Amino acid sequence: MFDYLVVGAGFAGAVVAERMARAFGKKVLLVDRRNHIGGNAYDHYNEAGLLVHRYGPHIFHTNSEQVFQYLSQFTTWRCYEHRVLAYVDGKLVPIPINLDTVNLIYDLNLQTEEEVAEFFASRAEDRGHSRTSEDVVVSKVGRDLYEKLFRNYTRKQWGKDPSELDASVTARIPVRTNRDDRYFGDRYQAMPRHGYTRMFENMLDHPNIAFELGCDFRDIVDDVSFREIIYTGPVDEFFDFCYGELPYRSLRFEHETLDMEFLQPVAVINYPNDHAYTRVTEFKHLTGQGHRKTSVVYEYPGDEGDPYYPVPNAANAALYKRYAELASATEGVHFVGRLATYKYYNMDQVVAQALTLVKQLAAGYRARHSVSANGHSWSTQAVSA
C-alpha cells in the first residue's frame, strides 16, 4: 500500500516524492513514461564522454532562498551566469537588449543609460495597456528592434505571431539601458556541479520511494494500491481530452559532437531570422567540463512531439479554466507542475509550487477523499464535454 502514486519524475514529482518520503515517512511510487528520472532536466554523458542535456539547455536561476537551499541538500553548485547572443544582420549581439546591443546593431556610440533610454523612447510606440507580446516589445523599444530580434523568433518558437500571444511571453525578457549582458538577474545563478541527473538521484535515494519507469501510470494503476495521486502530466490528457486538447509546443533536438574545443563564444546563440532552428547550445559552457571535443544541440520547435510549453493566449486560458475546475473537483488527485497547471513555469517556480503542495499535504490538507486502486473516484468516464 502506497500513500502516494506520483505521476512524473521531473522536478514537480521528484520534490513531492522526496519530501513526503524523507520528511514525513510516506511510501511513494514514482511513475514515468520515460526510462529515466529528471524529466526534461535529464542530462547524461554521450558517447564522447561529454555531459549533455538531452532535452535542451536547463539553466538554474532563482530569487528564492528557500528553493535554493532545498536543492542544495542534493548537489553542490558551479557558479554560472548565463549569457546569450543573437545573430542579427550578420552580427552577434547581446540578448536581452542592452546598451551594447543598440550600439552594435545601429553602429552607434551611446555611452550612458540616459542616452539609451532616450533612444528607446524615440522609437517606442504607445500601445496603452499591453495585451499581447507584440505590444510589450513595441511599446518599449520600437518596431525595428521588435522585427529584428523578436517577431520571427517568436513565430518559430510558438507557431504564432507575437500579436496572437499573451503579453507574458515577451515580458519575461527584460530591456536594459546598461551593459549588463547576463540573461538572468536572479540572486542565485548556478548549475548542479555533477549534473541534474545526479541531483535527482540524490533526491530520490530513499527506501520509501519505489520506481516504475518506462511505463504509463494507467498501465499499472489497477495493480497498485495507493491513497492519493500526485499528477504532473498534461491536465487535458488526464481527463481524456474531454473538453478538447490544450495546445502545447514541442521541440525536436539535433545533437552533434564536434572535434574542436569550442564552437561558440557563449553557451547559447539565438537565430531570430535565419535557419529553421531557434538556437544552438554548446554544453561545455554550462557544465564547465574540460574536454578536447565539444557538443552542441540545435532546437527545432513544432506542434508534434512531447509537450514542452503551454501556449499562452486568451482562448487557451479559457479552455484550461474548464480543466482546472474539473481538476479541483476531482477527488484524491493533486495537480502540480507546468503541464498539470498549464503555466509557463521556470524550474525554480515548479520547485516552489511542489513545496507548497507538500506543506498542504503535511498539514493534513485533504480537499478530496482518499482513493485506492479499486473504485477510481478520479475516473473521468462520467465526464462529458
Protein backbone atom coordinates (compact mmCIF):
# COMPACT_ATOMS: atom_id res chain seq x y z
CA MET A 1 0.00 0.00 0.00
CA PHE A 2 1.49 3.32 -1.13
CA ASP A 3 0.45 6.64 0.32
CA TYR A 4 1.09 8.42 -2.97
CA LEU A 5 1.24 7.45 -6.60
CA VAL A 6 3.36 10.21 -8.13
CA VAL A 7 2.99 10.53 -11.90
CA GLY A 8 6.06 12.12 -13.48
CA ALA A 9 9.68 12.09 -12.27
CA GLY A 10 10.61 15.66 -13.18
CA PHE A 11 11.04 18.50 -10.69
CA ALA A 12 7.43 18.59 -9.51
CA GLY A 13 7.07 14.87 -8.93
CA ALA A 14 10.56 14.40 -7.51
CA VAL A 15 10.19 17.18 -4.95
CA VAL A 16 6.86 15.89 -3.66
CA ALA A 17 8.14 12.30 -3.59
CA GLU A 18 11.32 13.25 -1.74
CA ARG A 19 9.63 15.42 0.88
CA MET A 20 6.76 13.06 1.63
CA ALA A 21 9.14 10.10 1.90
CA ARG A 22 12.08 11.65 3.71
CA ALA A 23 10.40 14.25 5.88
CA PHE A 24 7.08 12.55 6.63
CA GLY A 25 7.72 8.84 6.26
CA LYS A 26 5.18 8.29 3.50
CA LYS A 27 5.51 5.49 0.96
CA VAL A 28 5.66 6.69 -2.63
CA LEU A 29 5.53 5.01 -6.02
CA LEU A 30 7.08 7.25 -8.69
CA VAL A 31 5.99 6.50 -12.26
CA ASP A 32 7.27 7.97 -15.52
CA ARG A 33 6.75 7.11 -19.19
CA ARG A 34 10.41 7.74 -19.89
CA ASN A 35 13.05 5.26 -18.82
CA HIS A 36 14.84 7.78 -16.61
CA ILE A 37 14.23 10.24 -13.79
CA GLY A 38 14.72 14.01 -14.07
CA GLY A 39 12.07 14.86 -16.65
CA ASN A 40 13.22 17.42 -19.20
CA ALA A 41 16.17 18.36 -16.98
CA TYR A 42 17.72 14.91 -17.52
CA ASP A 43 21.40 15.01 -18.50
CA HIS A 44 23.85 12.24 -19.37
CA TYR A 45 27.30 11.56 -20.79
CA ASN A 46 27.23 10.96 -24.53
CA GLU A 47 29.45 8.54 -26.47
CA ALA A 48 32.31 11.04 -26.45
CA GLY A 49 32.08 11.45 -22.66
CA LEU A 50 30.55 14.92 -22.80
CA LEU A 51 27.81 15.85 -20.34
CA VAL A 52 24.79 16.97 -22.37
CA HIS A 53 21.18 17.94 -21.67
CA ARG A 54 19.07 15.56 -23.76
CA TYR A 55 16.06 17.88 -23.89
CA GLY A 56 17.77 21.20 -24.41
CA PRO A 57 19.58 23.56 -22.02
CA HIS A 58 18.38 23.90 -18.44
CA ILE A 59 19.94 26.82 -16.61
CA PHE A 60 19.08 27.15 -12.94
CA HIS A 61 18.31 30.59 -11.52
CA THR A 62 16.09 31.80 -8.70
CA ASN A 63 15.48 34.62 -6.26
CA SER A 64 14.06 32.17 -3.72
CA GLU A 65 16.41 31.32 -0.87
CA GLN A 66 14.04 28.54 0.16
CA VAL A 67 14.21 26.84 -3.24
CA PHE A 68 17.99 27.24 -3.50
CA GLN A 69 18.63 25.89 0.00
CA TYR A 70 16.27 22.97 -0.56
CA LEU A 71 18.05 21.84 -3.74
CA SER A 72 21.45 22.46 -2.13
CA GLN A 73 20.80 19.39 0.04
CA PHE A 74 21.26 17.24 -3.06
CA THR A 75 24.02 18.96 -5.02
CA THR A 76 26.97 21.25 -4.81
CA TRP A 77 26.90 24.09 -7.30
CA ARG A 78 29.06 25.52 -10.04
CA CYS A 79 28.70 29.29 -10.27
CA TYR A 80 27.42 30.18 -13.71
CA GLU A 81 25.87 33.33 -15.15
CA HIS A 82 24.09 32.65 -18.43
CA ARG A 83 24.84 34.80 -21.46
CA VAL A 84 23.08 34.68 -24.81
CA LEU A 85 23.92 36.22 -28.17
CA ALA A 86 21.61 36.69 -31.15
CA TYR A 87 22.70 36.54 -34.77
CA VAL A 88 21.22 39.66 -36.38
CA ASP A 89 22.26 41.38 -39.61
CA GLY A 90 25.49 39.37 -39.71
CA LYS A 91 26.46 40.33 -36.15
CA LEU A 92 26.34 38.63 -32.76
CA VAL A 93 24.59 40.96 -30.29
CA PRO A 94 23.70 40.55 -26.60
CA ILE A 95 20.25 39.36 -25.54
CA PRO A 96 18.41 40.74 -23.57
CA ILE A 97 18.72 44.08 -25.36
CA ASN A 98 21.21 46.40 -23.64
CA LEU A 99 23.43 49.36 -24.47
CA ASP A 100 25.85 47.24 -26.49
CA THR A 101 23.02 45.62 -28.48
CA VAL A 102 21.87 49.04 -29.66
CA ASN A 103 25.38 50.23 -30.50
CA LEU A 104 26.23 47.08 -32.47
CA ILE A 105 23.01 46.95 -34.49
CA TYR A 106 22.89 50.64 -35.36
CA ASP A 107 26.63 51.43 -35.40
CA LEU A 108 26.18 53.99 -32.64
CA ASN A 109 28.39 55.05 -29.76
CA LEU A 110 25.95 55.57 -26.92
CA GLN A 111 27.75 55.78 -23.58
CA THR A 112 25.20 56.38 -20.84
CA GLU A 113 22.00 54.80 -19.65
CA GLU A 114 20.24 58.10 -20.25
CA GLU A 115 21.25 58.06 -23.91
CA VAL A 116 19.95 54.52 -24.34
CA ALA A 117 16.68 55.39 -22.60
CA GLU A 118 16.27 58.35 -24.93
CA PHE A 119 16.95 56.10 -27.93
CA PHE A 120 14.25 53.64 -26.82
CA ALA A 121 11.80 56.47 -26.12
CA SER A 122 12.34 57.91 -29.59
CA ARG A 123 11.39 54.58 -31.17
CA ALA A 124 8.74 53.25 -28.79
CA GLU A 125 5.08 53.22 -29.81
CA ASP A 126 2.34 53.99 -27.32
CA ARG A 127 0.22 50.85 -27.11
CA GLY A 128 -1.71 51.74 -23.96
CA HIS A 129 -2.34 48.58 -21.99
CA SER A 130 -0.08 45.83 -23.33
CA ARG A 131 -2.28 42.84 -24.08
CA THR A 132 -0.04 40.94 -26.49
CA SER A 133 3.63 40.07 -26.78
CA GLU A 134 3.93 42.48 -29.68
CA ASP A 135 2.54 45.31 -27.53
CA VAL A 136 5.13 44.65 -24.82
CA VAL A 137 8.15 44.91 -27.11
CA VAL A 138 7.00 47.67 -29.47
CA SER A 139 5.97 49.87 -26.54
CA LYS A 140 9.45 49.54 -25.03
CA VAL A 141 11.93 49.57 -27.89
CA GLY A 142 10.00 50.26 -31.10
CA ARG A 143 9.16 48.27 -34.20
CA ASP A 144 12.59 47.89 -35.77
CA LEU A 145 14.17 46.06 -32.83
CA TYR A 146 10.95 44.09 -32.49
CA GLU A 147 11.27 42.94 -36.11
CA LYS A 148 15.00 42.19 -35.85
CA LEU A 149 15.03 40.31 -32.55
CA PHE A 150 11.57 39.16 -31.51
CA ARG A 151 8.97 38.70 -34.20
CA ASN A 152 10.42 35.87 -36.27
CA TYR A 153 11.96 34.12 -33.28
CA THR A 154 8.54 34.07 -31.63
CA ARG A 155 6.91 32.81 -34.81
CA LYS A 156 9.37 29.92 -34.94
CA GLN A 157 9.14 29.16 -31.22
CA TRP A 158 5.39 29.34 -30.82
CA GLY A 159 3.99 28.89 -34.32
CA LYS A 160 2.11 32.16 -33.83
CA ASP A 161 2.76 35.83 -34.39
CA PRO A 162 3.53 37.77 -31.17
CA SER A 163 0.28 39.68 -31.74
CA GLU A 164 -1.53 36.37 -31.07
CA LEU A 165 0.23 35.58 -27.80
CA ASP A 166 -0.26 36.81 -24.27
CA ALA A 167 1.97 39.65 -23.09
CA SER A 168 3.64 37.28 -20.59
CA VAL A 169 5.73 35.58 -23.30
CA THR A 170 7.97 38.54 -24.14
CA ALA A 171 7.50 40.24 -20.78
CA ARG A 172 9.81 37.54 -19.38
CA ILE A 173 12.73 39.17 -21.22
CA PRO A 174 13.95 42.48 -19.76
CA VAL A 175 15.17 45.53 -21.68
CA ARG A 176 18.28 47.15 -20.18
CA THR A 177 19.87 50.53 -20.59
CA ASN A 178 23.25 49.46 -19.12
CA ARG A 179 25.87 46.93 -20.22
CA ASP A 180 24.59 44.03 -18.10
CA ASP A 181 24.74 41.12 -20.56
CA ARG A 182 23.54 38.38 -18.20
CA TYR A 183 20.41 36.66 -19.41
CA PHE A 184 19.03 36.46 -15.87
CA GLY A 185 19.25 38.89 -12.99
CA ASP A 186 18.36 36.46 -10.20
CA ARG A 187 20.12 36.36 -6.84
CA TYR A 188 21.10 32.69 -7.25
CA GLN A 189 22.55 31.56 -10.57
CA ALA A 190 24.35 28.22 -10.69
CA MET A 191 24.49 24.77 -12.26
CA PRO A 192 24.50 21.44 -10.39
CA ARG A 193 28.20 20.63 -10.27
CA HIS A 194 27.73 16.99 -11.26
CA GLY A 195 24.64 17.47 -13.38
CA TYR A 196 20.88 17.40 -12.88
CA THR A 197 20.55 13.63 -13.05
CA ARG A 198 22.97 13.17 -10.15
CA MET A 199 20.97 15.72 -8.17
CA PHE A 200 17.73 13.82 -8.86
CA GLU A 201 19.38 10.53 -7.90
CA ASN A 202 20.38 12.04 -4.55
CA MET A 203 16.86 13.43 -4.04
CA LEU A 204 15.14 10.13 -4.68
CA ASP A 205 17.58 7.83 -2.90
CA HIS A 206 15.23 6.73 -0.11
CA PRO A 207 13.81 3.33 0.90
CA ASN A 208 10.25 4.72 0.93
CA ILE A 209 10.43 5.60 -2.79
CA ALA A 210 9.83 2.91 -5.41
CA PHE A 211 10.04 3.40 -9.17
CA GLU A 212 8.20 2.28 -12.27
CA LEU A 213 10.00 3.80 -15.25
CA GLY A 214 9.23 3.37 -18.92
CA CYS A 215 5.50 2.88 -18.43
CA ASP A 216 2.29 4.90 -18.35
CA PHE A 217 0.65 5.13 -14.94
CA ARG A 218 -2.64 3.93 -16.41
CA ASP A 219 -0.96 0.65 -17.31
CA ILE A 220 -0.25 -0.17 -13.67
CA VAL A 221 -2.95 1.69 -11.76
CA ASP A 222 -5.21 -1.38 -11.48
CA ASP A 223 -2.38 -3.40 -9.94
CA VAL A 224 -1.29 -0.91 -7.29
CA SER A 225 -2.88 0.17 -4.02
CA PHE A 226 -2.48 3.83 -3.11
CA ARG A 227 -4.27 6.60 -1.24
CA GLU A 228 -3.77 9.66 -3.43
CA ILE A 229 -2.29 10.69 -6.76
CA ILE A 230 0.20 13.48 -7.40
CA TYR A 231 -0.16 14.20 -11.11
CA THR A 232 2.39 16.26 -13.07
CA GLY A 233 1.48 15.37 -16.67
CA PRO A 234 -0.74 17.27 -19.14
CA VAL A 235 -4.02 18.07 -17.42
CA ASP A 236 -6.11 17.59 -20.56
CA GLU A 237 -4.69 14.11 -21.08
CA PHE A 238 -5.60 13.11 -17.51
CA PHE A 239 -9.23 13.83 -18.33
CA ASP A 240 -9.07 12.04 -21.69
CA PHE A 241 -9.29 15.37 -23.56
CA CYS A 242 -12.97 15.60 -22.67
CA TYR A 243 -13.09 19.33 -23.44
CA GLY A 244 -10.62 19.11 -26.34
CA GLU A 245 -6.83 19.25 -26.48
CA LEU A 246 -4.88 22.08 -24.88
CA PRO A 247 -2.21 23.32 -27.32
CA TYR A 248 1.41 22.73 -26.38
CA ARG A 249 4.58 23.48 -28.32
CA SER A 250 7.16 20.77 -28.67
CA LEU A 251 10.83 20.68 -29.63
CA ARG A 252 12.98 18.46 -31.80
CA PHE A 253 16.65 18.26 -30.88
CA GLU A 254 19.60 17.54 -33.14
CA HIS A 255 22.72 16.77 -31.09
CA GLU A 256 26.17 16.95 -32.65
CA THR A 257 29.67 16.31 -31.29
CA LEU A 258 32.47 18.31 -32.89
CA ASP A 259 36.21 17.67 -32.94
CA MET A 260 37.14 21.08 -31.53
CA GLU A 261 37.40 22.57 -28.06
CA PHE A 262 34.69 25.23 -28.52
CA LEU A 263 32.35 26.31 -31.30
CA GLN A 264 30.70 29.40 -29.77
CA PRO A 265 31.80 32.26 -27.54
CA VAL A 266 28.81 31.68 -25.20
CA ALA A 267 26.52 28.80 -24.32
CA VAL A 268 23.56 29.87 -26.47
CA ILE A 269 23.23 31.72 -29.76
CA ASN A 270 19.72 32.63 -30.92
CA TYR A 271 18.79 32.81 -34.59
CA PRO A 272 15.72 35.05 -34.89
CA ASN A 273 15.72 35.41 -38.67
CA ASP A 274 18.00 32.68 -40.06
CA HIS A 275 17.56 28.91 -40.24
CA ALA A 276 14.67 26.70 -39.15
CA TYR A 277 16.13 26.23 -35.68
CA THR A 278 15.75 28.85 -32.97
CA ARG A 279 19.01 28.45 -31.10
CA VAL A 280 22.24 26.47 -30.76
CA THR A 281 23.51 25.47 -27.32
CA GLU A 282 27.08 24.41 -26.52
CA PHE A 283 27.02 22.44 -23.28
CA LYS A 284 30.61 22.84 -22.09
CA HIS A 285 29.88 26.50 -21.31
CA LEU A 286 27.13 25.32 -18.95
CA THR A 287 28.90 22.38 -17.34
CA GLY A 288 32.46 23.70 -17.16
CA GLN A 289 33.67 20.31 -18.34
CA GLY A 290 37.18 20.09 -19.77
CA HIS A 291 37.27 18.04 -22.95
CA ARG A 292 39.08 18.22 -26.30
CA LYS A 293 35.74 17.86 -28.11
CA THR A 294 32.52 19.81 -27.75
CA SER A 295 28.82 19.00 -28.07
CA VAL A 296 26.03 21.23 -29.37
CA VAL A 297 22.29 20.89 -29.88
CA TYR A 298 20.04 22.56 -32.45
CA GLU A 299 16.42 23.23 -31.41
CA TYR A 300 13.54 22.97 -33.87
CA PRO A 301 10.13 23.95 -32.42
CA GLY A 302 6.93 22.30 -33.64
CA ASP A 303 3.47 21.12 -32.70
CA GLU A 304 4.23 17.37 -32.79
CA GLY A 305 6.07 15.53 -30.03
CA ASP A 306 6.31 15.70 -26.26
CA PRO A 307 4.59 18.74 -24.73
CA TYR A 308 7.07 21.36 -23.52
CA TYR A 309 5.41 24.76 -23.47
CA PRO A 310 1.80 25.72 -22.76
CA VAL A 311 0.74 28.25 -25.40
CA PRO A 312 -0.43 31.38 -23.51
CA ASN A 313 -3.35 33.21 -25.09
CA ALA A 314 -6.93 34.02 -24.13
CA ALA A 315 -8.57 31.07 -25.88
CA ASN A 316 -6.24 28.54 -24.29
CA ALA A 317 -6.63 30.15 -20.87
CA ALA A 318 -10.41 29.78 -21.17
CA LEU A 319 -10.08 26.11 -22.13
CA TYR A 320 -7.65 25.45 -19.29
CA LYS A 321 -10.06 27.07 -16.84
CA ARG A 322 -12.59 24.35 -17.64
CA TYR A 323 -9.99 21.68 -16.94
CA ALA A 324 -8.86 23.47 -13.77
CA GLU A 325 -12.42 23.40 -12.45
CA LEU A 326 -12.60 19.70 -13.23
CA ALA A 327 -9.26 19.10 -11.52
CA SER A 328 -10.38 20.98 -8.42
CA ALA A 329 -13.45 18.76 -8.19
CA THR A 330 -11.54 15.50 -8.73
CA GLU A 331 -11.19 13.57 -5.52
CA GLY A 332 -7.85 12.23 -4.38
CA VAL A 333 -5.70 13.85 -7.07
CA HIS A 334 -3.33 16.81 -6.72
CA PHE A 335 -2.18 18.57 -9.89
CA VAL A 336 1.24 20.23 -9.83
CA GLY A 337 3.84 21.43 -12.36
CA ARG A 338 4.00 23.16 -15.73
CA LEU A 339 1.88 20.68 -17.69
CA ALA A 340 -0.64 19.88 -14.97
CA THR A 341 -1.41 23.54 -14.29
CA TYR A 342 -0.81 24.81 -17.86
CA LYS A 343 1.61 27.52 -16.76
CA TYR A 344 4.92 28.51 -18.34
CA TYR A 345 6.90 27.99 -15.12
CA ASN A 346 10.68 28.04 -14.71
CA MET A 347 12.32 25.19 -12.80
CA ASP A 348 12.52 27.12 -9.54
CA GLN A 349 8.84 28.04 -9.78
CA VAL A 350 7.92 24.38 -10.20
CA VAL A 351 10.01 23.51 -7.12
CA ALA A 352 8.29 26.27 -5.13
CA GLN A 353 4.85 25.08 -6.24
CA ALA A 354 5.71 21.49 -5.26
CA LEU A 355 6.99 22.56 -1.84
CA THR A 356 3.75 24.47 -1.27
CA LEU A 357 1.76 21.33 -2.07
CA VAL A 358 3.94 19.36 0.35
CA LYS A 359 3.08 21.82 3.13
CA GLN A 360 -0.60 21.36 2.40
CA LEU A 361 -0.32 17.58 2.40
CA ALA A 362 1.79 17.53 5.56
CA ALA A 363 -0.67 19.77 7.38
CA GLY A 364 -3.39 17.22 6.82
CA TYR A 365 -4.87 19.11 3.87
CA ARG A 366 -7.50 16.83 2.33
CA ALA A 367 -9.74 18.65 -0.09
CA ARG A 368 -10.52 15.35 -1.74
CA HIS A 369 -11.33 11.88 -0.46
CA SER A 370 -8.63 9.20 -0.46
CA VAL A 371 -8.71 6.76 -3.32
CA SER A 372 -7.41 3.26 -3.88
CA ALA A 373 -6.81 1.19 -6.95
CA ASN A 374 -10.34 -0.11 -6.62
CA GLY A 375 -13.16 2.28 -7.37
CA HIS A 376 -11.13 5.02 -9.08
CA SER A 377 -13.02 8.04 -7.83
CA TRP A 378 -10.71 10.04 -10.13
CA SER A 379 -12.07 8.29 -13.21
CA THR A 380 -13.33 10.60 -15.95
CA GLN A 381 -15.71 8.18 -17.62
CA ALA A 382 -18.75 10.12 -16.48
CA VAL A 383 -17.43 13.47 -17.70
CA SER A 384 -18.73 14.86 -20.98
CA ALA A 385 -17.81 17.97 -22.89
